[in-house]
Amino acid sequence: MEFSHCKLEIFVPESHLEAVRQALASVDAGHIGQYDGCLSWSPVTSCWRPLAGASPYLGIVGQPCTAPEVKVEATCRTEQVDAALDAVRRAHPYEEPVINVIPLYRTGL
């Protein structure tokens, strides 16, 4: 089964929301019909523990860290996924950003 669209879920500090929004727009992610720049975000609380060798944006190596973030959601044509991932990684402050790519079976697009 081929999927024409995916949903991107990106977890990012709110301070970098605008940079991620612009990165997505720069590769036309979030384009739905006659609208572009379509995305949503919601507050979340995330946790992680940086391991040896990490250079964390937030937190201390070896210690659990909990922080508020936003989850950004946008649709993306499947053929745009690599460009969208590259653009988001350039805008994101984390060395290992969490970006989930979820194939969409029926989108109405």
PDB file of N, CA and C in Angstrom:
ATOM      1  N   MET A   1       0.845  -1.179   0.000  1.00  0.00           N
ATOM      2  CA  MET A   1       0.000   0.000   0.000  1.00  0.00           C
ATOM      3  C   MET A   1       0.890   1.242   0.000  1.00  0.00           C
ATOM      4  N   GLU A   2       0.627   2.146  -0.899  1.00  0.00           N
ATOM      5  CA  GLU A   2       1.382   3.389  -0.955  1.00  0.00           C
ATOM      6  C   GLU A   2       0.606   4.486  -0.248  1.00  0.00           C
ATOM      7  N   PHE A   3       1.343   5.340   0.410  1.00  0.00           N
ATOM      8  CA  PHE A   3       0.754   6.460   1.116  1.00  0.00           C
ATOM      9  C   PHE A   3       1.222   7.752   0.459  1.00  0.00           C
ATOM     10  N   SER A   4       0.295   8.638   0.153  1.00  0.00           N
ATOM     11  CA  SER A   4       0.668   9.892  -0.498  1.00  0.00           C
ATOM     12  C   SER A   4       1.058  10.967   0.507  1.00  0.00           C
ATOM     13  N   HIS A   5       0.589  10.824   1.747  1.00  0.00           N
ATOM     14  CA  HIS A   5       0.855  11.833   2.778  1.00  0.00           C
ATOM     15  C   HIS A   5       1.268  11.182   4.094  1.00  0.00           C
ATOM     16  N   CYS A   6       2.007  11.947   4.857  1.00  0.00           N
ATOM     17  CA  CYS A   6       2.410  11.539   6.199  1.00  0.00           C
ATOM     18  C   CYS A   6       2.069  12.669   7.158  1.00  0.00           C
ATOM     19  N   LYS A   7       2.007  12.312   8.424  1.00  0.00           N
ATOM     20  CA  LYS A   7       1.903  13.326   9.466  1.00  0.00           C
ATOM     21  C   LYS A   7       3.248  13.390  10.166  1.00  0.00           C
ATOM     22  N   LEU A   8       3.747  14.584  10.351  1.00  0.00           N
ATOM     23  CA  LEU A   8       4.967  14.801  11.117  1.00  0.00           C
ATOM     24  C   LEU A   8       4.572  15.236  12.521  1.00  0.00           C
ATOM     25  N   GLU A   9       5.137  14.590  13.519  1.00  0.00           N
ATOM     26  CA  GLU A   9       5.005  15.012  14.915  1.00  0.00           C
ATOM     27  C   GLU A   9       6.403  15.406  15.368  1.00  0.00           C
ATOM     28  N   ILE A  10       6.535  16.636  15.804  1.00  0.00           N
ATOM     29  CA  ILE A  10       7.846  17.177  16.171  1.00  0.00           C
ATOM     30  C   ILE A  10       7.742  17.739  17.582  1.00  0.00           C
ATOM     31  N   PHE A  11       8.622  17.302  18.460  1.00  0.00           N
ATOM     32  CA  PHE A  11       8.645  17.797  19.829  1.00  0.00           C
ATOM     33  C   PHE A  11       9.779  18.805  19.945  1.00  0.00           C
ATOM     34  N   VAL A  12       9.447  20.017  20.386  1.00  0.00           N
ATOM     35  CA  VAL A  12      10.420  21.114  20.354  1.00  0.00           C
ATOM     36  C   VAL A  12      10.136  22.076  21.510  1.00  0.00           C
ATOM     37  N   PRO A  13      11.172  22.723  22.056  1.00  0.00           N
ATOM     38  CA  PRO A  13      10.907  23.768  23.045  1.00  0.00           C
ATOM     39  C   PRO A  13      10.093  24.890  22.398  1.00  0.00           C
ATOM     40  N   GLU A  14       9.182  25.468  23.150  1.00  0.00           N
ATOM     41  CA  GLU A  14       8.332  26.528  22.588  1.00  0.00           C
ATOM     42  C   GLU A  14       9.161  27.682  22.036  1.00  0.00           C
ATOM     43  N   SER A  15      10.342  27.899  22.595  1.00  0.00           N
ATOM     44  CA  SER A  15      11.212  28.979  22.120  1.00  0.00           C
ATOM     45  C   SER A  15      11.608  28.800  20.654  1.00  0.00           C
ATOM     46  N   HIS A  16      11.521  27.578  20.131  1.00  0.00           N
ATOM     47  CA  HIS A  16      11.917  27.299  18.753  1.00  0.00           C
ATOM     48  C   HIS A  16      10.733  26.946  17.845  1.00  0.00           C
ATOM     49  N   LEU A  17       9.521  27.162  18.340  1.00  0.00           N
ATOM     50  CA  LEU A  17       8.328  26.865  17.552  1.00  0.00           C
ATOM     51  C   LEU A  17       8.314  27.642  16.239  1.00  0.00           C
ATOM     52  N   GLU A  18       8.583  28.916  16.283  1.00  0.00           N
ATOM     53  CA  GLU A  18       8.527  29.734  15.069  1.00  0.00           C
ATOM     54  C   GLU A  18       9.582  29.292  14.055  1.00  0.00           C
ATOM     55  N   ALA A  19      10.769  28.932  14.517  1.00  0.00           N
ATOM     56  CA  ALA A  19      11.816  28.463  13.612  1.00  0.00           C
ATOM     57  C   ALA A  19      11.398  27.161  12.933  1.00  0.00           C
ATOM     58  N   VAL A  20      10.775  26.255  13.680  1.00  0.00           N
ATOM     59  CA  VAL A  20      10.302  24.997  13.099  1.00  0.00           C
ATOM     60  C   VAL A  20       9.154  25.267  12.136  1.00  0.00           C
ATOM     61  N   ARG A  21       8.249  26.176  12.496  1.00  0.00           N
ATOM     62  CA  ARG A  21       7.145  26.526  11.599  1.00  0.00           C
ATOM     63  C   ARG A  21       7.680  27.047  10.264  1.00  0.00           C
ATOM     64  N   GLN A  22       8.658  27.921  10.330  1.00  0.00           N
ATOM     65  CA  GLN A  22       9.241  28.464   9.101  1.00  0.00           C
ATOM     66  C   GLN A  22       9.981  27.390   8.304  1.00  0.00           C
ATOM     67  N   ALA A  23      10.644  26.476   9.009  1.00  0.00           N
ATOM     68  CA  ALA A  23      11.349  25.383   8.327  1.00  0.00           C
ATOM     69  C   ALA A  23      10.367  24.506   7.561  1.00  0.00           C
ATOM     70  N   LEU A  24       9.242  24.179   8.184  1.00  0.00           N
ATOM     71  CA  LEU A  24       8.223  23.370   7.509  1.00  0.00           C
ATOM     72  C   LEU A  24       7.663  24.112   6.299  1.00  0.00           C
ATOM     73  N   ALA A  25       7.375  25.391   6.472  1.00  0.00           N
ATOM     74  CA  ALA A  25       6.837  26.189   5.368  1.00  0.00           C
ATOM     75  C   ALA A  25       7.832  26.271   4.209  1.00  0.00           C
ATOM     76  N   SER A  26       9.116  26.286   4.512  1.00  0.00           N
ATOM     77  CA  SER A  26      10.132  26.433   3.465  1.00  0.00           C
ATOM     78  C   SER A  26      10.168  25.239   2.513  1.00  0.00           C
ATOM     79  N   VAL A  27       9.643  24.095   2.941  1.00  0.00           N
ATOM     80  CA  VAL A  27       9.602  22.906   2.079  1.00  0.00           C
ATOM     81  C   VAL A  27       8.161  22.525   1.738  1.00  0.00           C
ATOM     82  N   ASP A  28       7.236  23.448   1.994  1.00  0.00           N
ATOM     83  CA  ASP A  28       5.820  23.292   1.663  1.00  0.00           C
ATOM     84  C   ASP A  28       5.128  22.176   2.450  1.00  0.00           C
ATOM     85  N   ALA A  29       5.684  21.785   3.596  1.00  0.00           N
ATOM     86  CA  ALA A  29       4.959  20.877   4.480  1.00  0.00           C
ATOM     87  C   ALA A  29       3.800  21.661   5.087  1.00  0.00           C
ATOM     88  N   GLY A  30       2.696  20.995   5.349  1.00  0.00           N
ATOM     89  CA  GLY A  30       1.521  21.691   5.851  1.00  0.00           C
ATOM     90  C   GLY A  30       0.667  22.292   4.756  1.00  0.00           C
ATOM     91  N   HIS A  31       0.857  21.840   3.522  1.00  0.00           N
ATOM     92  CA  HIS A  31       0.054  22.318   2.391  1.00  0.00           C
ATOM     93  C   HIS A  31      -1.155  21.391   2.248  1.00  0.00           C
ATOM     94  N   ILE A  32      -2.342  21.961   2.425  1.00  0.00           N
ATOM     95  CA  ILE A  32      -3.578  21.183   2.331  1.00  0.00           C
ATOM     96  C   ILE A  32      -4.513  21.914   1.376  1.00  0.00           C
ATOM     97  N   GLY A  33      -4.721  21.334   0.205  1.00  0.00           N
ATOM     98  CA  GLY A  33      -5.624  21.950  -0.768  1.00  0.00           C
ATOM     99  C   GLY A  33      -5.182  23.353  -1.125  1.00  0.00           C
ATOM    100  N   GLN A  34      -6.054  24.322  -0.910  1.00  0.00           N
ATOM    101  CA  GLN A  34      -5.779  25.718  -1.235  1.00  0.00           C
ATOM    102  C   GLN A  34      -5.203  26.494  -0.054  1.00  0.00           C
ATOM    103  N   TYR A  35      -4.624  25.800   0.914  1.00  0.00           N
ATOM    104  CA  TYR A  35      -4.036  26.426   2.100  1.00  0.00           C
ATOM    105  C   TYR A  35      -2.609  25.917   2.277  1.00  0.00           C
ATOM    106  N   ASP A  36      -1.743  26.803   2.739  1.00  0.00           N
ATOM    107  CA  ASP A  36      -0.412  26.337   3.114  1.00  0.00           C
ATOM    108  C   ASP A  36      -0.101  26.818   4.526  1.00  0.00           C
ATOM    109  N   GLY A  37       1.001  26.348   5.055  1.00  0.00           N
ATOM    110  CA  GLY A  37       1.377  26.722   6.411  1.00  0.00           C
ATOM    111  C   GLY A  37       0.483  26.121   7.475  1.00  0.00           C
ATOM    112  N   CYS A  38      -0.237  25.054   7.142  1.00  0.00           N
ATOM    113  CA  CYS A  38      -1.174  24.446   8.091  1.00  0.00           C
ATOM    114  C   CYS A  38      -0.421  23.564   9.085  1.00  0.00           C
ATOM    115  N   LEU A  39      -0.554  23.867  10.349  1.00  0.00           N
ATOM    116  CA  LEU A  39      -0.005  23.015  11.395  1.00  0.00           C
ATOM    117  C   LEU A  39      -0.731  23.315  12.689  1.00  0.00           C
ATOM    118  N   SER A  40      -0.527  22.455  13.652  1.00  0.00           N
ATOM    119  CA  SER A  40      -1.066  22.698  14.986  1.00  0.00           C
ATOM    120  C   SER A  40       0.003  22.347  15.993  1.00  0.00           C
ATOM    121  N   TRP A  41      -0.138  22.886  17.184  1.00  0.00           N
ATOM    122  CA  TRP A  41       0.781  22.535  18.258  1.00  0.00           C
ATOM    123  C   TRP A  41       0.024  22.513  19.568  1.00  0.00           C
ATOM    124  N   SER A  42       0.538  21.729  20.482  1.00  0.00           N
ATOM    125  CA  SER A  42      -0.076  21.620  21.802  1.00  0.00           C
ATOM    126  C   SER A  42       1.028  21.424  22.832  1.00  0.00           C
ATOM    127  N   PRO A  43       0.784  21.892  24.056  1.00  0.00           N
ATOM    128  CA  PRO A  43       1.804  21.740  25.095  1.00  0.00           C
ATOM    129  C   PRO A  43       1.905  20.290  25.565  1.00  0.00           C
ATOM    130  N   VAL A  44       3.118  19.860  25.830  1.00  0.00           N
ATOM    131  CA  VAL A  44       3.394  18.537  26.380  1.00  0.00           C
ATOM    132  C   VAL A  44       4.509  18.676  27.411  1.00  0.00           C
ATOM    133  N   THR A  45       4.659  17.666  28.213  1.00  0.00           N
ATOM    134  CA  THR A  45       5.803  17.575  29.117  1.00  0.00           C
ATOM    135  C   THR A  45       6.607  16.361  28.683  1.00  0.00           C
ATOM    136  N   SER A  46       7.874  16.556  28.436  1.00  0.00           N
ATOM    137  CA  SER A  46       8.738  15.472  27.957  1.00  0.00           C
ATOM    138  C   SER A  46       9.824  15.183  28.988  1.00  0.00           C
ATOM    139  N   CYS A  47      10.347  13.971  28.918  1.00  0.00           N
ATOM    140  CA  CYS A  47      11.458  13.623  29.804  1.00  0.00           C
ATOM    141  C   CYS A  47      12.484  12.809  29.026  1.00  0.00           C
ATOM    142  N   TRP A  48      13.733  12.890  29.463  1.00  0.00           N
ATOM    143  CA  TRP A  48      14.831  12.178  28.840  1.00  0.00           C
ATOM    144  C   TRP A  48      16.016  12.179  29.796  1.00  0.00           C
ATOM    145  N   ARG A  49      16.994  11.333  29.505  1.00  0.00           N
ATOM    146  CA  ARG A  49      18.236  11.297  30.274  1.00  0.00           C
ATOM    147  C   ARG A  49      19.390  11.278  29.285  1.00  0.00           C
ATOM    148  N   PRO A  50      20.154  12.361  29.208  1.00  0.00           N
ATOM    149  CA  PRO A  50      21.305  12.385  28.315  1.00  0.00           C
ATOM    150  C   PRO A  50      22.353  11.353  28.759  1.00  0.00           C
ATOM    151  N   LEU A  51      22.853  10.591  27.817  1.00  0.00           N
ATOM    152  CA  LEU A  51      23.860   9.570  28.100  1.00  0.00           C
ATOM    153  C   LEU A  51      25.268  10.118  27.850  1.00  0.00           C
ATOM    154  N   ALA A  52      26.260   9.371  28.290  1.00  0.00           N
ATOM    155  CA  ALA A  52      27.654   9.764  28.090  1.00  0.00           C
ATOM    156  C   ALA A  52      27.908  10.052  26.612  1.00  0.00           C
ATOM    157  N   GLY A  53      28.577  11.145  26.338  1.00  0.00           N
ATOM    158  CA  GLY A  53      28.871  11.546  24.967  1.00  0.00           C
ATOM    159  C   GLY A  53      27.861  12.525  24.395  1.00  0.00           C
ATOM    160  N   ALA A  54      26.729  12.694  25.076  1.00  0.00           N
ATOM    161  CA  ALA A  54      25.702  13.632  24.602  1.00  0.00           C
ATOM    162  C   ALA A  54      26.109  15.067  24.925  1.00  0.00           C
ATOM    163  N   SER A  55      25.619  15.990  24.130  1.00  0.00           N
ATOM    164  CA  SER A  55      25.777  17.427  24.384  1.00  0.00           C
ATOM    165  C   SER A  55      24.374  18.023  24.458  1.00  0.00           C
ATOM    166  N   PRO A  56      23.673  17.834  25.584  1.00  0.00           N
ATOM    167  CA  PRO A  56      22.263  18.219  25.643  1.00  0.00           C
ATOM    168  C   PRO A  56      22.039  19.734  25.612  1.00  0.00           C
ATOM    169  N   TYR A  57      21.005  20.116  24.886  1.00  0.00           N
ATOM    170  CA  TYR A  57      20.532  21.502  24.885  1.00  0.00           C
ATOM    171  C   TYR A  57      19.948  21.822  26.257  1.00  0.00           C
ATOM    172  N   LEU A  58      19.222  20.863  26.814  1.00  0.00           N
ATOM    173  CA  LEU A  58      18.662  20.958  28.164  1.00  0.00           C
ATOM    174  C   LEU A  58      19.061  19.709  28.942  1.00  0.00           C
ATOM    175  N   GLY A  59      19.342  19.852  30.207  1.00  0.00           N
ATOM    176  CA  GLY A  59      19.648  18.710  31.050  1.00  0.00           C
ATOM    177  C   GLY A  59      21.134  18.510  31.246  1.00  0.00           C
ATOM    178  N   ILE A  60      21.443  17.543  32.089  1.00  0.00           N
ATOM    179  CA  ILE A  60      22.819  17.218  32.458  1.00  0.00           C
ATOM    180  C   ILE A  60      23.043  15.739  32.162  1.00  0.00           C
ATOM    181  N   VAL A  61      24.180  15.427  31.567  1.00  0.00           N
ATOM    182  CA  VAL A  61      24.508  14.047  31.225  1.00  0.00           C
ATOM    183  C   VAL A  61      24.365  13.161  32.465  1.00  0.00           C
ATOM    184  N   GLY A  62      23.646  12.054  32.290  1.00  0.00           N
ATOM    185  CA  GLY A  62      23.461  11.078  33.354  1.00  0.00           C
ATOM    186  C   GLY A  62      22.291  11.339  34.279  1.00  0.00           C
ATOM    187  N   GLN A  63      21.648  12.493  34.144  1.00  0.00           N
ATOM    188  CA  GLN A  63      20.538  12.828  35.037  1.00  0.00           C
ATOM    189  C   GLN A  63      19.237  12.961  34.253  1.00  0.00           C
ATOM    190  N   PRO A  64      18.153  12.401  34.799  1.00  0.00           N
ATOM    191  CA  PRO A  64      16.854  12.577  34.138  1.00  0.00           C
ATOM    192  C   PRO A  64      16.484  14.062  34.069  1.00  0.00           C
ATOM    193  N   CYS A  65      15.851  14.438  32.981  1.00  0.00           N
ATOM    194  CA  CYS A  65      15.421  15.823  32.766  1.00  0.00           C
ATOM    195  C   CYS A  65      13.960  15.805  32.340  1.00  0.00           C
ATOM    196  N   THR A  66      13.185  16.704  32.871  1.00  0.00           N
ATOM    197  CA  THR A  66      11.792  16.887  32.477  1.00  0.00           C
ATOM    198  C   THR A  66      11.620  18.361  32.117  1.00  0.00           C
ATOM    199  N   ALA A  67      10.942  18.623  31.000  1.00  0.00           N
ATOM    200  CA  ALA A  67      10.775  20.009  30.562  1.00  0.00           C
ATOM    201  C   ALA A  67       9.514  20.155  29.726  1.00  0.00           C
ATOM    202  N   PRO A  68       8.922  21.354  29.743  1.00  0.00           N
ATOM    203  CA  PRO A  68       7.789  21.611  28.854  1.00  0.00           C
ATOM    204  C   PRO A  68       8.279  21.757  27.413  1.00  0.00           C
ATOM    205  N   GLU A  69       7.494  21.240  26.495  1.00  0.00           N
ATOM    206  CA  GLU A  69       7.753  21.369  25.067  1.00  0.00           C
ATOM    207  C   GLU A  69       6.403  21.576  24.382  1.00  0.00           C
ATOM    208  N   VAL A  70       6.438  21.737  23.080  1.00  0.00           N
ATOM    209  CA  VAL A  70       5.219  21.689  22.279  1.00  0.00           C
ATOM    210  C   VAL A  70       5.371  20.563  21.273  1.00  0.00           C
ATOM    211  N   LYS A  71       4.242  19.916  20.983  1.00  0.00           N
ATOM    212  CA  LYS A  71       4.205  18.918  19.915  1.00  0.00           C
ATOM    213  C   LYS A  71       3.604  19.598  18.701  1.00  0.00           C
ATOM    214  N   VAL A  72       4.380  19.684  17.644  1.00  0.00           N
ATOM    215  CA  VAL A  72       3.946  20.293  16.388  1.00  0.00           C
ATOM    216  C   VAL A  72       3.488  19.162  15.474  1.00  0.00           C
ATOM    217  N   GLU A  73       2.334  19.356  14.837  1.00  0.00           N
ATOM    218  CA  GLU A  73       1.813  18.365  13.896  1.00  0.00           C
ATOM    219  C   GLU A  73       1.526  19.044  12.570  1.00  0.00           C
ATOM    220  N   ALA A  74       1.987  18.414  11.504  1.00  0.00           N
ATOM    221  CA  ALA A  74       1.743  18.931  10.152  1.00  0.00           C
ATOM    222  C   ALA A  74       1.718  17.763   9.180  1.00  0.00           C
ATOM    223  N   THR A  75       0.954  17.907   8.112  1.00  0.00           N
ATOM    224  CA  THR A  75       0.968  16.894   7.068  1.00  0.00           C
ATOM    225  C   THR A  75       2.057  17.233   6.056  1.00  0.00           C
ATOM    226  N   CYS A  76       2.450  16.217   5.333  1.00  0.00           N
ATOM    227  CA  CYS A  76       3.543  16.375   4.378  1.00  0.00           C
ATOM    228  C   CYS A  76       3.364  15.331   3.280  1.00  0.00           C
ATOM    229  N   ARG A  77       3.549  15.713   2.021  1.00  0.00           N
ATOM    230  CA  ARG A  77       3.545  14.710   0.960  1.00  0.00           C
ATOM    231  C   ARG A  77       4.720  13.771   1.179  1.00  0.00           C
ATOM    232  N   THR A  78       4.518  12.505   0.919  1.00  0.00           N
ATOM    233  CA  THR A  78       5.539  11.493   1.179  1.00  0.00           C
ATOM    234  C   THR A  78       6.863  11.836   0.502  1.00  0.00           C
ATOM    235  N   GLU A  79       6.797  12.359  -0.713  1.00  0.00           N
ATOM    236  CA  GLU A  79       8.043  12.675  -1.419  1.00  0.00           C
ATOM    237  C   GLU A  79       8.766  13.880  -0.814  1.00  0.00           C
ATOM    238  N   GLN A  80       8.125  14.609   0.094  1.00  0.00           N
ATOM    239  CA  GLN A  80       8.738  15.760   0.758  1.00  0.00           C
ATOM    240  C   GLN A  80       9.357  15.411   2.107  1.00  0.00           C
ATOM    241  N   VAL A  81       9.176  14.197   2.579  1.00  0.00           N
ATOM    242  CA  VAL A  81       9.574  13.862   3.948  1.00  0.00           C
ATOM    243  C   VAL A  81      11.052  14.136   4.201  1.00  0.00           C
ATOM    244  N   ASP A  82      11.937  13.703   3.325  1.00  0.00           N
ATOM    245  CA  ASP A  82      13.368  13.910   3.565  1.00  0.00           C
ATOM    246  C   ASP A  82      13.709  15.396   3.654  1.00  0.00           C
ATOM    247  N   ALA A  83      13.148  16.193   2.766  1.00  0.00           N
ATOM    248  CA  ALA A  83      13.406  17.641   2.796  1.00  0.00           C
ATOM    249  C   ALA A  83      12.847  18.253   4.078  1.00  0.00           C
ATOM    250  N   ALA A  84      11.665  17.799   4.502  1.00  0.00           N
ATOM    251  CA  ALA A  84      11.068  18.318   5.733  1.00  0.00           C
ATOM    252  C   ALA A  84      11.921  17.956   6.946  1.00  0.00           C
ATOM    253  N   LEU A  85      12.387  16.713   7.001  1.00  0.00           N
ATOM    254  CA  LEU A  85      13.240  16.295   8.121  1.00  0.00           C
ATOM    255  C   LEU A  85      14.530  17.113   8.165  1.00  0.00           C
ATOM    256  N   ASP A  86      15.158  17.317   7.010  1.00  0.00           N
ATOM    257  CA  ASP A  86      16.383  18.118   6.967  1.00  0.00           C
ATOM    258  C   ASP A  86      16.125  19.548   7.438  1.00  0.00           C
ATOM    259  N   ALA A  87      15.032  20.150   6.974  1.00  0.00           N
ATOM    260  CA  ALA A  87      14.716  21.524   7.346  1.00  0.00           C
ATOM    261  C   ALA A  87      14.447  21.642   8.847  1.00  0.00           C
ATOM    262  N   VAL A  88      13.689  20.710   9.395  1.00  0.00           N
ATOM    263  CA  VAL A  88      13.382  20.752  10.826  1.00  0.00           C
ATOM    264  C   VAL A  88      14.654  20.557  11.642  1.00  0.00           C
ATOM    265  N   ARG A  89      15.491  19.630  11.255  1.00  0.00           N
ATOM    266  CA  ARG A  89      16.738  19.389  12.015  1.00  0.00           C
ATOM    267  C   ARG A  89      17.632  20.627  12.027  1.00  0.00           C
ATOM    268  N   ARG A  90      17.645  21.384  10.942  1.00  0.00           N
ATOM    269  CA  ARG A  90      18.451  22.618  10.913  1.00  0.00           C
ATOM    270  C   ARG A  90      17.887  23.676  11.857  1.00  0.00           C
ATOM    271  N   ALA A  91      16.564  23.691  12.046  1.00  0.00           N
ATOM    272  CA  ALA A  91      15.922  24.703  12.884  1.00  0.00           C
ATOM    273  C   ALA A  91      15.820  24.288  14.355  1.00  0.00           C
ATOM    274  N   HIS A  92      15.968  23.020  14.627  1.00  0.00           N
ATOM    275  CA  HIS A  92      15.728  22.461  15.962  1.00  0.00           C
ATOM    276  C   HIS A  92      16.978  22.583  16.825  1.00  0.00           C
ATOM    277  N   PRO A  93      16.829  22.931  18.109  1.00  0.00           N
ATOM    278  CA  PRO A  93      18.019  23.094  18.949  1.00  0.00           C
ATOM    279  C   PRO A  93      18.623  21.793  19.477  1.00  0.00           C
ATOM    280  N   TYR A  94      17.872  20.693  19.458  1.00  0.00           N
ATOM    281  CA  TYR A  94      18.362  19.440  20.045  1.00  0.00           C
ATOM    282  C   TYR A  94      19.285  18.711  19.072  1.00  0.00           C
ATOM    283  N   GLU A  95      20.276  18.025  19.615  1.00  0.00           N
ATOM    284  CA  GLU A  95      21.146  17.220  18.752  1.00  0.00           C
ATOM    285  C   GLU A  95      20.434  15.966  18.259  1.00  0.00           C
ATOM    286  N   GLU A  96      19.424  15.501  18.993  1.00  0.00           N
ATOM    287  CA  GLU A  96      18.628  14.330  18.610  1.00  0.00           C
ATOM    288  C   GLU A  96      17.136  14.677  18.715  1.00  0.00           C
ATOM    289  N   PRO A  97      16.603  15.479  17.807  1.00  0.00           N
ATOM    290  CA  PRO A  97      15.184  15.840  17.918  1.00  0.00           C
ATOM    291  C   PRO A  97      14.267  14.636  17.703  1.00  0.00           C
ATOM    292  N   VAL A  98      13.150  14.631  18.412  1.00  0.00           N
ATOM    293  CA  VAL A  98      12.139  13.591  18.218  1.00  0.00           C
ATOM    294  C   VAL A  98      11.209  14.062  17.105  1.00  0.00           C
ATOM    295  N   ILE A  99      11.250  13.344  15.986  1.00  0.00           N
ATOM    296  CA  ILE A  99      10.394  13.640  14.836  1.00  0.00           C
ATOM    297  C   ILE A  99       9.786  12.319  14.398  1.00  0.00           C
ATOM    298  N   ASN A 100       8.492  12.174  14.592  1.00  0.00           N
ATOM    299  CA  ASN A 100       7.792  10.960  14.166  1.00  0.00           C
ATOM    300  C   ASN A 100       7.167  11.210  12.799  1.00  0.00           C
ATOM    301  N   VAL A 101       7.342  10.252  11.901  1.00  0.00           N
ATOM    302  CA  VAL A 101       6.746  10.306  10.568  1.00  0.00           C
ATOM    303  C   VAL A 101       5.730   9.169  10.495  1.00  0.00           C
ATOM    304  N   ILE A 102       4.456   9.542  10.365  1.00  0.00           N
ATOM    305  CA  ILE A 102       3.364   8.571  10.426  1.00  0.00           C
ATOM    306  C   ILE A 102       2.627   8.562   9.088  1.00  0.00           C
ATOM    307  N   PRO A 103       2.632   7.440   8.370  1.00  0.00           N
ATOM    308  CA  PRO A 103       1.889   7.375   7.107  1.00  0.00           C
ATOM    309  C   PRO A 103       0.393   7.566   7.359  1.00  0.00           C
ATOM    310  N   LEU A 104      -0.254   8.301   6.482  1.00  0.00           N
ATOM    311  CA  LEU A 104      -1.694   8.553   6.593  1.00  0.00           C
ATOM    312  C   LEU A 104      -2.423   7.761   5.527  1.00  0.00           C
ATOM    313  N   TYR A 105      -3.313   6.902   5.954  1.00  0.00           N
ATOM    314  CA  TYR A 105      -4.057   6.046   5.038  1.00  0.00           C
ATOM    315  C   TYR A 105      -5.138   6.821   4.293  1.00  0.00           C
ATOM    316  N   ARG A 106      -5.960   7.537   5.019  1.00  0.00           N
ATOM    317  CA  ARG A 106      -7.029   8.339   4.413  1.00  0.00           C
ATOM    318  C   ARG A 106      -6.999   9.716   5.030  1.00  0.00           C
ATOM    319  N   THR A 107      -6.741  10.701   4.202  1.00  0.00           N
ATOM    320  CA  THR A 107      -6.600  12.041   4.725  1.00  0.00           C
ATOM    321  C   THR A 107      -7.672  12.995   4.228  1.00  0.00           C
ATOM    322  N   GLY A 108      -8.367  12.615   3.200  1.00  0.00           N
ATOM    323  CA  GLY A 108      -9.301  13.552   2.579  1.00  0.00           C
ATOM    324  C   GLY A 108      -8.602  14.556   1.688  1.00  0.00           C
ATOM    325  N   LEU A 109      -7.282  14.380   1.504  1.00  0.00           N
ATOM    326  CA  LEU A 109      -6.521  15.321   0.676  1.00  0.00           C
ATOM    327  C   LEU A 109      -6.634  14.949  -0.786  1.00  0.00           C
TER     328      LEU A 109
END
